[in-house]
Amino acid sequence: MADSQWLVTVLVAVVTSGGTLLATKSTNRASLTKTNNDNAIQLFEQYKELNEQLQSKVDRLEDKLEKLQDKYEKEIAFYQSEVERLEDENSELIKKLENVKGVD
């Protein structure tokens, strides 16, 4: 009888252990799936936030670049007109100098 009680106790322990193992495995799998899902959501939110920050920086840089381009195009136009004015003035002075030399 003592041998059969020992056998029953061991059998109950094995069945209980097996049940506990299966329940734990199932719980761990569900927990792992939830953790993976939570991590994926967190990573996506971080990506989205970084993407928005970068887009904002790109927009600011494009605006700054556009303003600089406008500024330098205006400066270039001003200096081109100055060069043309000075070239005209130089041509007139050369003509006057040639006239003065021709008079002598």
C-alpha atoms as a PDB file:
ATOM      1  CA  MET A   1       0.000   0.000   0.000  1.00  0.00           C
ATOM      2  CA  ALA A   2       2.814   2.389   0.819  1.00  0.00           C
ATOM      3  CA  ASP A   3       4.323   1.725  -2.593  1.00  0.00           C
ATOM      4  CA  SER A   4       1.068   2.557  -4.326  1.00  0.00           C
ATOM      5  CA  GLN A   5       0.691   5.769  -2.280  1.00  0.00           C
ATOM      6  CA  TRP A   6       4.190   6.760  -3.284  1.00  0.00           C
ATOM      7  CA  LEU A   7       3.357   5.981  -6.899  1.00  0.00           C
ATOM      8  CA  VAL A   8       0.102   7.973  -6.708  1.00  0.00           C
ATOM      9  CA  THR A   9       1.931  10.912  -5.111  1.00  0.00           C
ATOM     10  CA  VAL A  10       4.598  10.866  -7.831  1.00  0.00           C
ATOM     11  CA  LEU A  11       1.964  10.516 -10.539  1.00  0.00           C
ATOM     12  CA  VAL A  12      -0.043  13.465  -9.129  1.00  0.00           C
ATOM     13  CA  ALA A  13       3.161  15.517  -8.880  1.00  0.00           C
ATOM     14  CA  VAL A  14       4.078  14.719 -12.498  1.00  0.00           C
ATOM     15  CA  VAL A  15       0.598  15.592 -13.768  1.00  0.00           C
ATOM     16  CA  THR A  16       0.532  18.790 -11.695  1.00  0.00           C
ATOM     17  CA  SER A  17       4.016  19.744 -12.907  1.00  0.00           C
ATOM     18  CA  GLY A  18       3.026  19.074 -16.507  1.00  0.00           C
ATOM     19  CA  GLY A  19      -0.114  21.173 -16.125  1.00  0.00           C
ATOM     20  CA  THR A  20       1.830  23.980 -14.489  1.00  0.00           C
ATOM     21  CA  LEU A  21       4.447  23.835 -17.238  1.00  0.00           C
ATOM     22  CA  LEU A  22       1.819  24.009 -19.984  1.00  0.00           C
ATOM     23  CA  ALA A  23      -0.022  26.848 -18.255  1.00  0.00           C
ATOM     24  CA  THR A  24       3.236  28.762 -17.753  1.00  0.00           C
ATOM     25  CA  LYS A  25       4.242  28.188 -21.366  1.00  0.00           C
ATOM     26  CA  SER A  26       0.894  29.462 -22.587  1.00  0.00           C
ATOM     27  CA  THR A  27       1.047  32.476 -20.256  1.00  0.00           C
ATOM     28  CA  ASN A  28       4.642  33.213 -21.265  1.00  0.00           C
ATOM     29  CA  ARG A  29       3.751  33.009 -24.960  1.00  0.00           C
ATOM     30  CA  ALA A  30       0.855  35.435 -24.497  1.00  0.00           C
ATOM     31  CA  SER A  31       3.013  37.691 -22.335  1.00  0.00           C
ATOM     32  CA  LEU A  32       5.820  37.602 -24.895  1.00  0.00           C
ATOM     33  CA  THR A  33       3.401  38.445 -27.709  1.00  0.00           C
ATOM     34  CA  LYS A  34       2.020  41.379 -25.723  1.00  0.00           C
ATOM     35  CA  THR A  35       5.542  42.579 -24.876  1.00  0.00           C
ATOM     36  CA  ASN A  36       6.571  42.354 -28.539  1.00  0.00           C
ATOM     37  CA  ASN A  37       3.458  44.261 -29.570  1.00  0.00           C
ATOM     38  CA  ASP A  38       4.065  46.950 -26.928  1.00  0.00           C
ATOM     39  CA  ASN A  39       7.699  47.278 -28.043  1.00  0.00           C
ATOM     40  CA  ALA A  40       6.660  47.574 -31.685  1.00  0.00           C
ATOM     41  CA  ILE A  41       4.158  50.313 -30.805  1.00  0.00           C
ATOM     42  CA  GLN A  42       6.793  52.165 -28.756  1.00  0.00           C
ATOM     43  CA  LEU A  43       9.352  51.935 -31.545  1.00  0.00           C
ATOM     44  CA  PHE A  44       6.824  53.150 -34.103  1.00  0.00           C
ATOM     45  CA  GLU A  45       5.914  56.129 -31.896  1.00  0.00           C
ATOM     46  CA  GLN A  46       9.619  56.977 -31.473  1.00  0.00           C
ATOM     47  CA  TYR A  47      10.134  56.674 -35.234  1.00  0.00           C
ATOM     48  CA  LYS A  48       7.108  58.869 -35.895  1.00  0.00           C
ATOM     49  CA  GLU A  49       8.317  61.529 -33.434  1.00  0.00           C
ATOM     50  CA  LEU A  50      11.850  61.529 -34.869  1.00  0.00           C
ATOM     51  CA  ASN A  51      10.459  61.689 -38.387  1.00  0.00           C
ATOM     52  CA  GLU A  52       8.312  64.711 -37.472  1.00  0.00           C
ATOM     53  CA  GLN A  53      11.310  66.430 -35.846  1.00  0.00           C
ATOM     54  CA  LEU A  54      13.464  65.796 -38.904  1.00  0.00           C
ATOM     55  CA  GLN A  55      10.736  67.017 -41.247  1.00  0.00           C
ATOM     56  CA  SER A  56      10.442  70.190 -39.191  1.00  0.00           C
ATOM     57  CA  LYS A  57      14.212  70.724 -39.401  1.00  0.00           C
ATOM     58  CA  VAL A  58      14.166  70.112 -43.153  1.00  0.00           C
ATOM     59  CA  ASP A  59      11.333  72.622 -43.562  1.00  0.00           C
ATOM     60  CA  ARG A  60      13.240  75.245 -41.548  1.00  0.00           C
ATOM     61  CA  LEU A  61      16.432  74.621 -43.531  1.00  0.00           C
ATOM     62  CA  GLU A  62      14.577  74.853 -46.844  1.00  0.00           C
ATOM     63  CA  ASP A  63      13.035  78.153 -45.749  1.00  0.00           C
ATOM     64  CA  LYS A  64      16.429  79.461 -44.650  1.00  0.00           C
ATOM     65  CA  LEU A  65      17.998  78.337 -47.923  1.00  0.00           C
ATOM     66  CA  GLU A  66      15.266  80.042 -49.928  1.00  0.00           C
ATOM     67  CA  LYS A  67      15.799  83.325 -48.047  1.00  0.00           C
ATOM     68  CA  LEU A  68      19.568  83.132 -48.564  1.00  0.00           C
ATOM     69  CA  GLN A  69      19.092  82.399 -52.251  1.00  0.00           C
ATOM     70  CA  ASP A  70      16.798  85.422 -52.633  1.00  0.00           C
ATOM     71  CA  LYS A  71      19.265  87.616 -50.754  1.00  0.00           C
ATOM     72  CA  TYR A  72      22.249  86.538 -52.858  1.00  0.00           C
ATOM     73  CA  GLU A  73      20.328  86.785 -56.124  1.00  0.00           C
ATOM     74  CA  LYS A  74      19.459  90.399 -55.234  1.00  0.00           C
ATOM     75  CA  GLU A  75      23.089  91.118 -54.324  1.00  0.00           C
ATOM     76  CA  ILE A  76      24.309  89.559 -57.566  1.00  0.00           C
ATOM     77  CA  ALA A  77      21.840  91.644 -59.582  1.00  0.00           C
ATOM     78  CA  PHE A  78      22.988  94.800 -57.743  1.00  0.00           C
ATOM     79  CA  TYR A  79      26.675  94.086 -58.375  1.00  0.00           C
ATOM     80  CA  GLN A  80      26.015  93.225 -62.024  1.00  0.00           C
ATOM     81  CA  SER A  81      24.297  96.572 -62.515  1.00  0.00           C
ATOM     82  CA  GLU A  82      27.190  98.312 -60.723  1.00  0.00           C
ATOM     83  CA  VAL A  83      29.709  96.572 -62.977  1.00  0.00           C
ATOM     84  CA  GLU A  84      27.728  97.649 -66.057  1.00  0.00           C
ATOM     85  CA  ARG A  85      27.504 101.231 -64.763  1.00  0.00           C
ATOM     86  CA  LEU A  86      31.236 101.333 -64.036  1.00  0.00           C
ATOM     87  CA  GLU A  87      32.063  99.825 -67.431  1.00  0.00           C
ATOM     88  CA  ASP A  88      29.944 102.520 -69.109  1.00  0.00           C
ATOM     89  CA  GLU A  89      31.632 105.197 -67.007  1.00  0.00           C
ATOM     90  CA  ASN A  90      35.028 103.742 -67.877  1.00  0.00           C
ATOM     91  CA  SER A  91      34.174 103.787 -71.591  1.00  0.00           C
ATOM     92  CA  GLU A  92      33.149 107.445 -71.356  1.00  0.00           C
ATOM     93  CA  LEU A  93      36.354 108.347 -69.514  1.00  0.00           C
ATOM     94  CA  ILE A  94      38.429 106.529 -72.126  1.00  0.00           C
ATOM     95  CA  LYS A  95      36.667 108.493 -74.898  1.00  0.00           C
ATOM     96  CA  LYS A  96      37.289 111.766 -73.048  1.00  0.00           C
ATOM     97  CA  LEU A  97      40.933 110.836 -72.555  1.00  0.00           C
ATOM     98  CA  GLU A  98      41.301 110.000 -76.240  1.00  0.00           C
ATOM     99  CA  ASN A  99      39.675 113.345 -77.125  1.00  0.00           C
ATOM    100  CA  VAL A 100      42.051 115.187 -74.804  1.00  0.00           C
ATOM    101  CA  LYS A 101      45.040 113.374 -76.317  1.00  0.00           C
ATOM    102  CA  GLY A 102      43.740 114.105 -79.814  1.00  0.00           C
ATOM    103  CA  VAL A 103      43.458 117.835 -79.015  1.00  0.00           C
ATOM    104  CA  ASP A 104      47.084 118.044 -77.912  1.00  0.00           C
END
